[in-house]
Amino acid sequence: MNKINSIITLRHFEKDEPLIIYSPEIADNVSLQMVNTIADISAYVYDDESFYDLDREITYGSNSYVINRKPSRQREVFVNAKDIVMVQEADIDLDDR
């Protein structure tokens, strides 16, 4: 079952655009990794290994939404824990849409 359980926002420099990573990991587990120097995060990606972008793949209706394209797979990403700006809890079932 493909499910987004956390949305992670990364930013290395103040002027950088934030990078949003969608992850199947529970938000509490990601938050615990922030105490380490390097955080090991599982992230959804496309076939070309670029990060999955839910905002680009979603179409909103009047009372619902449809996910046009699902992520191809997951991969492990190692990031500087100081670059994690925010971890949001999510409950988005990709198979149900």
N, C-alpha and C. Protein backbone atom coordinates (compact mmCIF):
# COMPACT_ATOMS: atom_id res chain seq x y z
N MET A 1 0.84 -1.18 0.00
CA MET A 1 0.00 0.00 0.00
C MET A 1 0.89 1.24 0.00
N ASN A 2 0.67 2.11 -0.96
CA ASN A 2 1.40 3.38 -1.02
C ASN A 2 0.64 4.42 -0.21
N LYS A 3 1.32 4.96 0.77
CA LYS A 3 0.70 5.94 1.65
C LYS A 3 1.74 6.98 2.05
N ILE A 4 1.37 8.24 1.97
CA ILE A 4 2.24 9.31 2.43
C ILE A 4 1.91 9.55 3.90
N ASN A 5 2.89 9.31 4.77
CA ASN A 5 2.68 9.50 6.20
C ASN A 5 3.33 10.76 6.74
N SER A 6 4.26 11.33 5.97
CA SER A 6 4.88 12.59 6.41
C SER A 6 5.32 13.41 5.20
N ILE A 7 5.27 14.71 5.39
CA ILE A 7 5.71 15.67 4.39
C ILE A 7 6.86 16.44 5.03
N ILE A 8 8.03 16.36 4.40
CA ILE A 8 9.25 16.92 4.98
C ILE A 8 9.71 18.10 4.13
N THR A 9 9.95 19.22 4.77
CA THR A 9 10.44 20.41 4.08
C THR A 9 11.91 20.60 4.42
N LEU A 10 12.72 20.72 3.37
CA LEU A 10 14.17 20.91 3.53
C LEU A 10 14.59 22.25 2.94
N ARG A 11 15.58 22.87 3.55
CA ARG A 11 16.18 24.09 3.00
C ARG A 11 17.60 24.18 3.54
N HIS A 12 18.57 24.29 2.63
CA HIS A 12 19.97 24.35 3.06
C HIS A 12 20.39 25.78 3.38
N PHE A 13 20.12 26.70 2.46
CA PHE A 13 20.44 28.11 2.68
C PHE A 13 19.14 28.91 2.77
N GLU A 14 19.20 30.03 3.46
CA GLU A 14 18.02 30.87 3.67
C GLU A 14 17.35 31.28 2.36
N LYS A 15 18.14 31.56 1.34
CA LYS A 15 17.59 32.04 0.07
C LYS A 15 17.14 30.92 -0.86
N ASP A 16 17.42 29.68 -0.50
CA ASP A 16 17.01 28.54 -1.33
C ASP A 16 15.49 28.35 -1.29
N GLU A 17 14.96 27.86 -2.40
CA GLU A 17 13.56 27.44 -2.41
C GLU A 17 13.45 26.17 -1.56
N PRO A 18 12.39 26.02 -0.80
CA PRO A 18 12.26 24.79 0.00
C PRO A 18 12.03 23.58 -0.90
N LEU A 19 12.58 22.46 -0.50
CA LEU A 19 12.39 21.19 -1.19
C LEU A 19 11.44 20.36 -0.34
N ILE A 20 10.38 19.87 -0.95
CA ILE A 20 9.39 19.09 -0.22
C ILE A 20 9.54 17.63 -0.61
N ILE A 21 9.67 16.78 0.40
CA ILE A 21 9.81 15.34 0.19
C ILE A 21 8.60 14.65 0.81
N TYR A 22 7.99 13.76 0.05
CA TYR A 22 6.86 12.97 0.54
C TYR A 22 7.39 11.61 0.95
N SER A 23 7.07 11.20 2.16
CA SER A 23 7.68 9.99 2.72
C SER A 23 6.63 9.03 3.29
N PRO A 24 6.90 7.73 3.16
CA PRO A 24 6.03 6.74 3.81
C PRO A 24 6.32 6.59 5.30
N GLU A 25 7.40 7.20 5.77
CA GLU A 25 7.76 7.09 7.19
C GLU A 25 6.82 7.92 8.05
N ILE A 26 6.59 7.45 9.25
CA ILE A 26 5.76 8.17 10.20
C ILE A 26 6.52 9.42 10.66
N ALA A 27 5.81 10.52 10.79
CA ALA A 27 6.43 11.81 11.11
C ALA A 27 7.25 11.76 12.40
N ASP A 28 6.80 11.03 13.39
CA ASP A 28 7.55 10.93 14.65
C ASP A 28 8.92 10.30 14.44
N ASN A 29 8.99 9.29 13.57
CA ASN A 29 10.29 8.65 13.28
C ASN A 29 11.24 9.61 12.58
N VAL A 30 10.71 10.42 11.68
CA VAL A 30 11.54 11.41 10.99
C VAL A 30 12.02 12.46 11.98
N SER A 31 11.14 12.92 12.85
CA SER A 31 11.52 13.92 13.84
C SER A 31 12.61 13.41 14.78
N LEU A 32 12.56 12.14 15.12
CA LEU A 32 13.60 11.57 15.99
C LEU A 32 14.96 11.57 15.31
N GLN A 33 14.99 11.46 13.99
CA GLN A 33 16.26 11.45 13.27
C GLN A 33 16.91 12.83 13.22
N MET A 34 16.17 13.86 13.54
CA MET A 34 16.71 15.22 13.50
C MET A 34 17.78 15.44 14.56
N VAL A 35 17.87 14.57 15.57
CA VAL A 35 18.90 14.72 16.59
C VAL A 35 20.26 14.22 16.07
N ASN A 36 20.25 13.42 15.02
CA ASN A 36 21.50 12.95 14.41
C ASN A 36 22.07 14.03 13.48
N THR A 37 23.32 13.87 13.10
CA THR A 37 23.92 14.79 12.14
C THR A 37 23.36 14.56 10.75
N ILE A 38 23.22 13.30 10.38
CA ILE A 38 22.68 12.91 9.07
C ILE A 38 21.39 12.13 9.31
N ALA A 39 20.32 12.53 8.62
CA ALA A 39 19.04 11.84 8.74
C ALA A 39 18.85 10.92 7.55
N ASP A 40 18.43 9.71 7.81
CA ASP A 40 18.15 8.71 6.78
C ASP A 40 16.64 8.66 6.59
N ILE A 41 16.16 9.16 5.45
CA ILE A 41 14.73 9.30 5.20
C ILE A 41 14.35 8.49 3.97
N SER A 42 13.25 7.79 4.05
CA SER A 42 12.69 7.09 2.89
C SER A 42 11.78 8.07 2.16
N ALA A 43 11.99 8.22 0.84
CA ALA A 43 11.23 9.20 0.05
C ALA A 43 10.66 8.55 -1.20
N TYR A 44 9.50 9.04 -1.63
CA TYR A 44 8.91 8.58 -2.88
C TYR A 44 9.59 9.30 -4.04
N VAL A 45 9.87 8.54 -5.12
CA VAL A 45 10.53 9.11 -6.30
C VAL A 45 9.85 8.61 -7.57
N TYR A 46 10.14 9.32 -8.68
CA TYR A 46 9.71 8.90 -10.01
C TYR A 46 10.73 7.91 -10.57
N ASP A 47 10.49 7.41 -11.78
CA ASP A 47 11.42 6.49 -12.45
C ASP A 47 12.81 7.07 -12.63
N ASP A 48 12.90 8.37 -12.88
CA ASP A 48 14.20 9.01 -13.11
C ASP A 48 14.90 9.44 -11.82
N GLU A 49 14.40 8.95 -10.68
CA GLU A 49 14.97 9.21 -9.35
C GLU A 49 14.72 10.63 -8.84
N SER A 50 13.95 11.45 -9.56
CA SER A 50 13.61 12.77 -9.04
C SER A 50 12.51 12.60 -7.98
N PHE A 51 12.46 13.55 -7.06
CA PHE A 51 11.50 13.44 -5.96
C PHE A 51 10.07 13.58 -6.46
N TYR A 52 9.19 12.79 -5.89
CA TYR A 52 7.77 12.81 -6.23
C TYR A 52 7.17 14.15 -5.82
N ASP A 53 6.35 14.73 -6.70
CA ASP A 53 5.72 16.03 -6.44
C ASP A 53 4.21 15.86 -6.44
N LEU A 54 3.63 15.71 -5.28
CA LEU A 54 2.19 15.48 -5.16
C LEU A 54 1.39 16.67 -5.69
N ASP A 55 1.86 17.88 -5.45
CA ASP A 55 1.13 19.07 -5.91
C ASP A 55 0.97 19.08 -7.43
N ARG A 56 1.95 18.59 -8.14
CA ARG A 56 1.90 18.56 -9.60
C ARG A 56 1.01 17.43 -10.11
N GLU A 57 0.83 16.38 -9.32
CA GLU A 57 0.12 15.18 -9.76
C GLU A 57 -1.34 15.11 -9.30
N ILE A 58 -1.83 16.15 -8.66
CA ILE A 58 -3.17 16.09 -8.08
C ILE A 58 -4.11 17.01 -8.85
N THR A 59 -5.34 16.54 -9.03
CA THR A 59 -6.40 17.34 -9.65
C THR A 59 -7.54 17.42 -8.65
N TYR A 60 -7.96 18.64 -8.35
CA TYR A 60 -9.02 18.84 -7.37
C TYR A 60 -10.37 18.94 -8.04
N GLY A 61 -11.37 18.31 -7.43
CA GLY A 61 -12.75 18.44 -7.88
C GLY A 61 -13.51 19.27 -6.87
N SER A 62 -14.83 19.28 -6.97
CA SER A 62 -15.62 20.10 -6.05
C SER A 62 -15.58 19.56 -4.62
N ASN A 63 -15.61 18.25 -4.46
CA ASN A 63 -15.59 17.67 -3.12
C ASN A 63 -14.53 16.61 -2.94
N SER A 64 -13.63 16.46 -3.89
CA SER A 64 -12.63 15.40 -3.80
C SER A 64 -11.41 15.77 -4.63
N TYR A 65 -10.48 14.84 -4.70
CA TYR A 65 -9.30 15.02 -5.53
C TYR A 65 -8.90 13.69 -6.14
N VAL A 66 -8.17 13.76 -7.24
CA VAL A 66 -7.69 12.58 -7.95
C VAL A 66 -6.19 12.70 -8.11
N ILE A 67 -5.47 11.63 -7.82
CA ILE A 67 -4.03 11.62 -8.03
C ILE A 67 -3.77 11.02 -9.40
N ASN A 68 -3.24 11.83 -10.32
CA ASN A 68 -3.06 11.42 -11.70
C ASN A 68 -1.93 10.40 -11.88
N ARG A 69 -0.86 10.58 -11.17
CA ARG A 69 0.30 9.69 -11.31
C ARG A 69 0.87 9.39 -9.93
N LYS A 70 1.07 8.13 -9.67
CA LYS A 70 1.60 7.71 -8.37
C LYS A 70 3.12 7.59 -8.45
N PRO A 71 3.80 7.63 -7.31
CA PRO A 71 5.26 7.48 -7.34
C PRO A 71 5.66 6.09 -7.82
N SER A 72 6.82 6.00 -8.43
CA SER A 72 7.30 4.73 -8.96
C SER A 72 7.82 3.81 -7.86
N ARG A 73 8.56 4.39 -6.94
CA ARG A 73 9.15 3.58 -5.87
C ARG A 73 9.64 4.49 -4.74
N GLN A 74 10.26 3.85 -3.75
CA GLN A 74 10.86 4.58 -2.63
C GLN A 74 12.38 4.46 -2.74
N ARG A 75 13.07 5.43 -2.17
CA ARG A 75 14.52 5.30 -2.05
C ARG A 75 14.95 5.99 -0.76
N GLU A 76 16.11 5.56 -0.28
CA GLU A 76 16.67 6.15 0.93
C GLU A 76 17.40 7.43 0.57
N VAL A 77 17.18 8.47 1.34
CA VAL A 77 17.82 9.76 1.13
C VAL A 77 18.54 10.12 2.42
N PHE A 78 19.79 10.50 2.30
CA PHE A 78 20.56 10.96 3.46
C PHE A 78 20.69 12.47 3.37
N VAL A 79 20.17 13.17 4.36
CA VAL A 79 20.20 14.63 4.36
C VAL A 79 20.83 15.14 5.66
N ASN A 80 21.37 16.33 5.58
CA ASN A 80 21.87 17.00 6.76
C ASN A 80 20.66 17.31 7.65
N ALA A 81 20.67 16.84 8.86
CA ALA A 81 19.52 17.01 9.75
C ALA A 81 19.21 18.48 10.01
N LYS A 82 20.22 19.34 9.92
CA LYS A 82 20.00 20.78 10.13
C LYS A 82 19.20 21.40 8.99
N ASP A 83 19.14 20.72 7.84
CA ASP A 83 18.40 21.23 6.69
C ASP A 83 16.90 20.95 6.78
N ILE A 84 16.50 20.11 7.72
CA ILE A 84 15.08 19.80 7.88
C ILE A 84 14.41 20.97 8.60
N VAL A 85 13.54 21.64 7.87
CA VAL A 85 12.86 22.82 8.42
C VAL A 85 11.58 22.42 9.15
N MET A 86 10.85 21.47 8.54
CA MET A 86 9.56 21.10 9.11
C MET A 86 9.21 19.67 8.73
N VAL A 87 8.56 18.97 9.64
CA VAL A 87 8.04 17.63 9.38
C VAL A 87 6.55 17.67 9.72
N GLN A 88 5.73 17.42 8.71
CA GLN A 88 4.28 17.44 8.90
C GLN A 88 3.73 16.02 8.86
N GLU A 89 2.81 15.75 9.74
CA GLU A 89 2.14 14.46 9.74
C GLU A 89 1.11 14.46 8.60
N ALA A 90 1.02 13.35 7.88
CA ALA A 90 0.08 13.24 6.76
C ALA A 90 -0.60 11.88 6.79
N ASP A 91 -1.71 11.79 6.11
CA ASP A 91 -2.43 10.52 5.96
C ASP A 91 -3.06 10.52 4.57
N ILE A 92 -2.24 10.33 3.55
CA ILE A 92 -2.69 10.37 2.16
C ILE A 92 -2.50 8.99 1.56
N ASP A 93 -3.60 8.32 1.28
CA ASP A 93 -3.57 6.99 0.69
C ASP A 93 -3.51 7.14 -0.83
N LEU A 94 -2.38 6.81 -1.43
CA LEU A 94 -2.20 6.99 -2.87
C LEU A 94 -2.94 5.93 -3.68
N ASP A 95 -3.23 4.79 -3.10
CA ASP A 95 -3.93 3.72 -3.81
C ASP A 95 -5.44 3.94 -3.85
N ASP A 96 -5.95 4.75 -2.96
CA ASP A 96 -7.39 4.97 -2.85
C ASP A 96 -7.87 6.08 -3.78
N ARG A 97 -7.01 6.74 -4.48
CA ARG A 97 -7.39 7.88 -5.32
C ARG A 97 -7.16 7.61 -6.76
